[in-house]
PDB file of N, CA and C in Angstrom:
ATOM      1  N   MET A   1      81.879 131.778  90.191  1.00  0.00           N
ATOM      2  CA  MET A   1      81.634 130.347  89.606  1.00  0.00           C
ATOM      3  C   MET A   1      80.504 129.680  90.258  1.00  0.00           C
ATOM      4  N   LEU A   2      80.397 129.909  91.556  1.00  0.00           N
ATOM      5  CA  LEU A   2      79.357 129.205  92.179  1.00  0.00           C
ATOM      6  C   LEU A   2      77.988 129.848  92.064  1.00  0.00           C
ATOM      7  N   SER A   3      77.974 131.176  91.988  1.00  0.00           N
ATOM      8  CA  SER A   3      76.786 131.682  91.738  1.00  0.00           C
ATOM      9  C   SER A   3      76.490 131.465  90.047  1.00  0.00           C
ATOM     10  N   ALA A   4      77.204 131.445  89.079  1.00  0.00           N
ATOM     11  CA  ALA A   4      76.778 130.889  87.875  1.00  0.00           C
ATOM     12  C   ALA A   4      76.152 129.403  88.064  1.00  0.00           C
ATOM     13  N   ILE A   5      76.417 128.506  88.870  1.00  0.00           N
ATOM     14  CA  ILE A   5      76.098 127.195  88.930  1.00  0.00           C
ATOM     15  C   ILE A   5      74.631 127.266  89.549  1.00  0.00           C
ATOM     16  N   VAL A   6      74.586 128.244  90.478  1.00  0.00           N
ATOM     17  CA  VAL A   6      73.146 128.477  91.252  1.00  0.00           C
ATOM     18  C   VAL A   6      72.211 128.909  90.142  1.00  0.00           C
ATOM     19  N   ARG A   7      72.570 129.982  89.510  1.00  0.00           N
ATOM     20  CA  ARG A   7      71.614 130.757  88.410  1.00  0.00           C
ATOM     21  C   ARG A   7      71.284 129.592  87.250  1.00  0.00           C
ATOM     22  N   PHE A   8      72.221 128.619  86.891  1.00  0.00           N
ATOM     23  CA  PHE A   8      71.976 127.653  85.906  1.00  0.00           C
ATOM     24  C   PHE A   8      70.893 126.700  86.401  1.00  0.00           C
ATOM     25  N   SER A   9      71.084 126.439  87.568  1.00  0.00           N
ATOM     26  CA  SER A   9      70.233 125.439  88.368  1.00  0.00           C
ATOM     27  C   SER A   9      69.000 125.874  88.660  1.00  0.00           C
ATOM     28  N   LEU A  10      68.779 127.179  88.888  1.00  0.00           N
ATOM     29  CA  LEU A  10      67.381 127.943  89.060  1.00  0.00           C
ATOM     30  C   LEU A  10      66.602 127.951  87.889  1.00  0.00           C
ATOM     31  N   ARG A  11      67.562 128.180  86.512  1.00  0.00           N
ATOM     32  CA  ARG A  11      66.897 128.570  85.358  1.00  0.00           C
ATOM     33  C   ARG A  11      66.451 127.388  84.624  1.00  0.00           C
ATOM     34  N   PHE A  12      67.244 126.270  84.822  1.00  0.00           N
ATOM     35  CA  PHE A  12      67.244 124.880  84.060  1.00  0.00           C
ATOM     36  C   PHE A  12      66.842 123.883  85.309  1.00  0.00           C
ATOM     37  N   ARG A  13      65.747 124.342  86.099  1.00  0.00           N
ATOM     38  CA  ARG A  13      65.567 123.173  87.262  1.00  0.00           C
ATOM     39  C   ARG A  13      65.134 121.755  86.670  1.00  0.00           C
ATOM     40  N   GLY A  14      64.439 121.770  85.554  1.00  0.00           N
ATOM     41  CA  GLY A  14      63.860 120.527  85.114  1.00  0.00           C
ATOM     42  C   GLY A  14      64.967 119.771  84.480  1.00  0.00           C
ATOM     43  N   VAL A  15      66.063 120.314  84.038  1.00  0.00           N
ATOM     44  CA  VAL A  15      67.288 119.514  83.535  1.00  0.00           C
ATOM     45  C   VAL A  15      67.859 119.048  84.542  1.00  0.00           C
ATOM     46  N   VAL A  16      68.092 119.940  85.784  1.00  0.00           N
ATOM     47  CA  VAL A  16      68.830 119.421  86.924  1.00  0.00           C
ATOM     48  C   VAL A  16      68.136 118.411  87.716  1.00  0.00           C
ATOM     49  N   LEU A  17      66.785 118.276  87.865  1.00  0.00           N
ATOM     50  CA  LEU A  17      66.176 117.350  88.301  1.00  0.00           C
ATOM     51  C   LEU A  17      66.012 116.114  87.629  1.00  0.00           C
ATOM     52  N   SER A  18      66.085 116.038  86.312  1.00  0.00           N
ATOM     53  CA  SER A  18      66.255 114.784  85.444  1.00  0.00           C
ATOM     54  C   SER A  18      67.463 114.201  85.515  1.00  0.00           C
ATOM     55  N   LEU A  19      68.685 115.047  85.645  1.00  0.00           N
ATOM     56  CA  LEU A  19      69.983 114.654  85.774  1.00  0.00           C
ATOM     57  C   LEU A  19      70.111 113.898  87.076  1.00  0.00           C
ATOM     58  N   ALA A  20      69.579 114.443  88.260  1.00  0.00           N
ATOM     59  CA  ALA A  20      69.509 114.035  89.607  1.00  0.00           C
ATOM     60  C   ALA A  20      68.770 112.597  89.721  1.00  0.00           C
ATOM     61  N   ILE A  21      67.718 112.558  88.938  1.00  0.00           N
ATOM     62  CA  ILE A  21      66.989 111.264  89.247  1.00  0.00           C
ATOM     63  C   ILE A  21      67.624 110.247  88.241  1.00  0.00           C
ATOM     64  N   ALA A  22      68.466 110.624  87.240  1.00  0.00           N
ATOM     65  CA  ALA A  22      68.986 109.616  86.313  1.00  0.00           C
ATOM     66  C   ALA A  22      70.093 109.137  87.044  1.00  0.00           C
ATOM     67  N   LEU A  23      71.102 109.903  87.903  1.00  0.00           N
ATOM     68  CA  LEU A  23      72.205 109.596  88.474  1.00  0.00           C
ATOM     69  C   LEU A  23      71.752 108.626  89.635  1.00  0.00           C
ATOM     70  N   LEU A  24      70.551 108.998  90.363  1.00  0.00           N
ATOM     71  CA  LEU A  24      70.013 108.154  91.390  1.00  0.00           C
ATOM     72  C   LEU A  24      69.707 106.853  90.892  1.00  0.00           C
ATOM     73  N   GLY A  25      69.092 106.866  89.656  1.00  0.00           N
ATOM     74  CA  GLY A  25      68.694 105.516  89.234  1.00  0.00           C
ATOM     75  C   GLY A  25      69.837 104.663  88.725  1.00  0.00           C
ATOM     76  N   PHE A  26      70.917 105.315  88.127  1.00  0.00           N
ATOM     77  CA  PHE A  26      72.127 104.618  87.966  1.00  0.00           C
ATOM     78  C   PHE A  26      72.826 104.088  89.099  1.00  0.00           C
ATOM     79  N   GLY A  27      72.928 104.785  90.311  1.00  0.00           N
ATOM     80  CA  GLY A  27      73.205 104.449  91.505  1.00  0.00           C
ATOM     81  C   GLY A  27      72.551 103.146  92.100  1.00  0.00           C
ATOM     82  N   LEU A  28      71.238 103.124  92.113  1.00  0.00           N
ATOM     83  CA  LEU A  28      70.523 102.096  92.618  1.00  0.00           C
ATOM     84  C   LEU A  28      70.735 100.842  91.624  1.00  0.00           C
ATOM     85  N   TYR A  29      71.032 101.073  90.323  1.00  0.00           N
ATOM     86  CA  TYR A  29      71.096  99.913  89.513  1.00  0.00           C
ATOM     87  C   TYR A  29      72.643  99.213  89.733  1.00  0.00           C
ATOM     88  N   THR A  30      73.672 100.269  89.854  1.00  0.00           N
ATOM     89  CA  THR A  30      75.020  99.433  90.130  1.00  0.00           C
ATOM     90  C   THR A  30      74.869  98.897  91.573  1.00  0.00           C
ATOM     91  N   LEU A  31      74.094  99.386  92.547  1.00  0.00           N
ATOM     92  CA  LEU A  31      74.071  98.924  93.826  1.00  0.00           C
ATOM     93  C   LEU A  31      73.530  97.561  93.822  1.00  0.00           C
ATOM     94  N   THR A  32      72.483  97.061  92.867  1.00  0.00           N
ATOM     95  CA  THR A  32      71.864  95.907  92.716  1.00  0.00           C
ATOM     96  C   THR A  32      72.894  94.859  92.068  1.00  0.00           C
ATOM     97  N   GLN A  33      73.763  95.385  91.291  1.00  0.00           N
ATOM     98  CA  GLN A  33      74.655  94.686  90.392  1.00  0.00           C
ATOM     99  C   GLN A  33      75.976  94.390  91.227  1.00  0.00           C
ATOM    100  N   ALA A  34      76.202  94.926  92.337  1.00  0.00           N
ATOM    101  CA  ALA A  34      77.414  94.925  93.129  1.00  0.00           C
ATOM    102  C   ALA A  34      77.638  93.477  93.685  1.00  0.00           C
ATOM    103  N   ARG A  35      78.659  92.935  93.571  1.00  0.00           N
ATOM    104  CA  ARG A  35      78.838  91.491  94.428  1.00  0.00           C
ATOM    105  C   ARG A  35      79.555  92.059  95.765  1.00  0.00           C
ATOM    106  N   TYR A  36      78.899  91.270  96.723  1.00  0.00           N
ATOM    107  CA  TYR A  36      79.137  91.534  98.126  1.00  0.00           C
ATOM    108  C   TYR A  36      80.244  90.277  98.604  1.00  0.00           C
ATOM    109  N   ASP A  37      81.309  90.742  99.169  1.00  0.00           N
ATOM    110  CA  ASP A  37      82.259  89.749  99.755  1.00  0.00           C
ATOM    111  C   ASP A  37      81.948  89.846 101.236  1.00  0.00           C
ATOM    112  N   VAL A  38      80.957  88.912 101.627  1.00  0.00           N
ATOM    113  CA  VAL A  38      80.533  88.720 103.171  1.00  0.00           C
ATOM    114  C   VAL A  38      81.739  88.260 103.954  1.00  0.00           C
ATOM    115  N   PHE A  39      82.427  87.379 103.598  1.00  0.00           N
ATOM    116  CA  PHE A  39      83.347  86.637 104.508  1.00  0.00           C
ATOM    117  C   PHE A  39      84.832  87.021 103.828  1.00  0.00           C
ATOM    118  N   PRO A  40      85.509  88.049 104.043  1.00  0.00           N
ATOM    119  CA  PRO A  40      86.838  88.302 103.490  1.00  0.00           C
ATOM    120  C   PRO A  40      87.821  87.380 103.921  1.00  0.00           C
ATOM    121  N   ASP A  41      88.976  87.021 103.430  1.00  0.00           N
ATOM    122  CA  ASP A  41      89.935  86.280 103.850  1.00  0.00           C
ATOM    123  C   ASP A  41      90.741  87.162 104.823  1.00  0.00           C
ATOM    124  N   PHE A  42      90.886  86.313 105.961  1.00  0.00           N
ATOM    125  CA  PHE A  42      91.716  86.891 107.123  1.00  0.00           C
ATOM    126  C   PHE A  42      93.105  86.204 107.348  1.00  0.00           C
ATOM    127  N   ALA A  43      93.358  85.177 106.560  1.00  0.00           N
ATOM    128  CA  ALA A  43      94.492  84.451 106.544  1.00  0.00           C
ATOM    129  C   ALA A  43      95.705  85.312 106.254  1.00  0.00           C
ATOM    130  N   PRO A  44      96.947  85.220 106.898  1.00  0.00           N
ATOM    131  CA  PRO A  44      98.043  85.983 106.366  1.00  0.00           C
ATOM    132  C   PRO A  44      98.722  85.567 105.202  1.00  0.00           C
ATOM    133  N   PRO A  45      99.272  86.333 104.495  1.00  0.00           N
ATOM    134  CA  PRO A  45      99.975  85.974 103.231  1.00  0.00           C
ATOM    135  C   PRO A  45     101.005  84.935 103.538  1.00  0.00           C
ATOM    136  N   VAL A  46     101.334  84.024 102.643  1.00  0.00           N
ATOM    137  CA  VAL A  46     102.456  82.998 102.958  1.00  0.00           C
ATOM    138  C   VAL A  46     103.332  83.033 101.900  1.00  0.00           C
ATOM    139  N   VAL A  47     104.778  83.068 102.417  1.00  0.00           N
ATOM    140  CA  VAL A  47     105.794  83.319 101.579  1.00  0.00           C
ATOM    141  C   VAL A  47     106.822  82.138 101.613  1.00  0.00           C
ATOM    142  N   ALA A  48     106.831  81.515 100.407  1.00  0.00           N
ATOM    143  CA  ALA A  48     107.593  80.252 100.167  1.00  0.00           C
ATOM    144  C   ALA A  48     109.001  80.624  99.655  1.00  0.00           C
ATOM    145  N   ILE A  49     110.164  80.083 100.173  1.00  0.00           N
ATOM    146  CA  ILE A  49     111.520  80.529  99.782  1.00  0.00           C
ATOM    147  C   ILE A  49     112.118  79.220  99.513  1.00  0.00           C
ATOM    148  N   GLN A  50     112.813  79.098  98.233  1.00  0.00           N
ATOM    149  CA  GLN A  50     113.241  77.891  97.826  1.00  0.00           C
ATOM    150  C   GLN A  50     114.795  78.207  97.868  1.00  0.00           C
ATOM    151  N   THR A  51     115.698  77.503  98.382  1.00  0.00           N
ATOM    152  CA  THR A  51     117.053  77.689  98.184  1.00  0.00           C
ATOM    153  C   THR A  51     117.949  76.458  98.194  1.00  0.00           C
ATOM    154  N   GLU A  52     119.000  76.755  97.631  1.00  0.00           N
ATOM    155  CA  GLU A  52     120.064  75.385  97.755  1.00  0.00           C
ATOM    156  C   GLU A  52     121.328  75.744  98.532  1.00  0.00           C
ATOM    157  N   ALA A  53     121.528  74.919  99.749  1.00  0.00           N
ATOM    158  CA  ALA A  53     122.733  75.234 100.384  1.00  0.00           C
ATOM    159  C   ALA A  53     123.357  73.799 100.710  1.00  0.00           C
ATOM    160  N   PRO A  54     124.231  73.346  99.715  1.00  0.00           N
ATOM    161  CA  PRO A  54     124.883  72.115 100.078  1.00  0.00           C
ATOM    162  C   PRO A  54     125.511  72.004 101.304  1.00  0.00           C
ATOM    163  N   GLY A  55     125.330  70.903 101.911  1.00  0.00           N
ATOM    164  CA  GLY A  55     126.163  70.748 103.157  1.00  0.00           C
ATOM    165  C   GLY A  55     125.691  71.285 104.409  1.00  0.00           C
ATOM    166  N   LEU A  56     124.305  71.829 104.271  1.00  0.00           N
ATOM    167  CA  LEU A  56     123.757  72.362 105.422  1.00  0.00           C
ATOM    168  C   LEU A  56     122.224  71.689 105.476  1.00  0.00           C
ATOM    169  N   SER A  57     121.907  71.476 106.928  1.00  0.00           N
ATOM    170  CA  SER A  57     120.550  70.822 107.258  1.00  0.00           C
ATOM    171  C   SER A  57     119.588  71.866 106.916  1.00  0.00           C
ATOM    172  N   ALA A  58     118.353  71.361 107.045  1.00  0.00           N
ATOM    173  CA  ALA A  58     117.065  72.246 106.641  1.00  0.00           C
ATOM    174  C   ALA A  58     116.892  73.134 107.953  1.00  0.00           C
ATOM    175  N   GLU A  59     117.188  73.032 109.035  1.00  0.00           N
ATOM    176  CA  GLU A  59     117.199  73.865 110.196  1.00  0.00           C
ATOM    177  C   GLU A  59     118.520  74.907 110.014  1.00  0.00           C
ATOM    178  N   GLN A  60     119.373  74.514 109.672  1.00  0.00           N
ATOM    179  CA  GLN A  60     120.552  75.590 109.409  1.00  0.00           C
ATOM    180  C   GLN A  60     120.046  76.479 108.235  1.00  0.00           C
ATOM    181  N   VAL A  61     119.423  76.217 107.376  1.00  0.00           N
ATOM    182  CA  VAL A  61     119.325  76.964 106.266  1.00  0.00           C
ATOM    183  C   VAL A  61     118.241  77.886 106.691  1.00  0.00           C
ATOM    184  N   GLU A  62     117.106  77.382 107.437  1.00  0.00           N
ATOM    185  CA  GLU A  62     116.097  78.222 108.113  1.00  0.00           C
ATOM    186  C   GLU A  62     116.432  79.324 108.914  1.00  0.00           C
ATOM    187  N   LEU A  63     117.602  78.942 109.730  1.00  0.00           N
ATOM    188  CA  LEU A  63     118.109  80.000 110.742  1.00  0.00           C
ATOM    189  C   LEU A  63     118.957  81.104 109.885  1.00  0.00           C
ATOM    190  N   LEU A  64     119.632  80.689 108.798  1.00  0.00           N
ATOM    191  CA  LEU A  64     120.244  81.633 108.003  1.00  0.00           C
ATOM    192  C   LEU A  64     119.460  82.574 107.470  1.00  0.00           C
ATOM    193  N   VAL A  65     118.108  82.040 106.766  1.00  0.00           N
ATOM    194  CA  VAL A  65     117.278  82.764 106.046  1.00  0.00           C
ATOM    195  C   VAL A  65     116.459  83.634 106.993  1.00  0.00           C
ATOM    196  N   ILE A  66     116.018  83.301 108.164  1.00  0.00           N
ATOM    197  CA  ILE A  66     115.364  84.068 108.886  1.00  0.00           C
ATOM    198  C   ILE A  66     116.332  84.979 109.771  1.00  0.00           C
ATOM    199  N   ALA A  67     117.518  84.821 110.078  1.00  0.00           N
ATOM    200  CA  ALA A  67     118.501  85.730 110.864  1.00  0.00           C
ATOM    201  C   ALA A  67     118.568  86.887 109.930  1.00  0.00           C
ATOM    202  N   HIS A  68     118.582  87.155 108.497  1.00  0.00           N
ATOM    203  CA  HIS A  68     118.951  88.126 107.796  1.00  0.00           C
ATOM    204  C   HIS A  68     117.786  88.801 107.179  1.00  0.00           C
TER     205      HIS A  68
END
């Protein structure tokens, strides 16, 4: 399989060179169009929990949610 690829590449070196140049050109084009994120977000994700617990204070509900 590999020897067939080498034989094809040697026989049609113009085609292989043209494809390599086209691939290089496409890579350079996509590199210039890429958007860079210079300063990524380092903030940890925030989770908001809404619950109802009649008769309990906010601190008691917080303890119940965190403990489990």
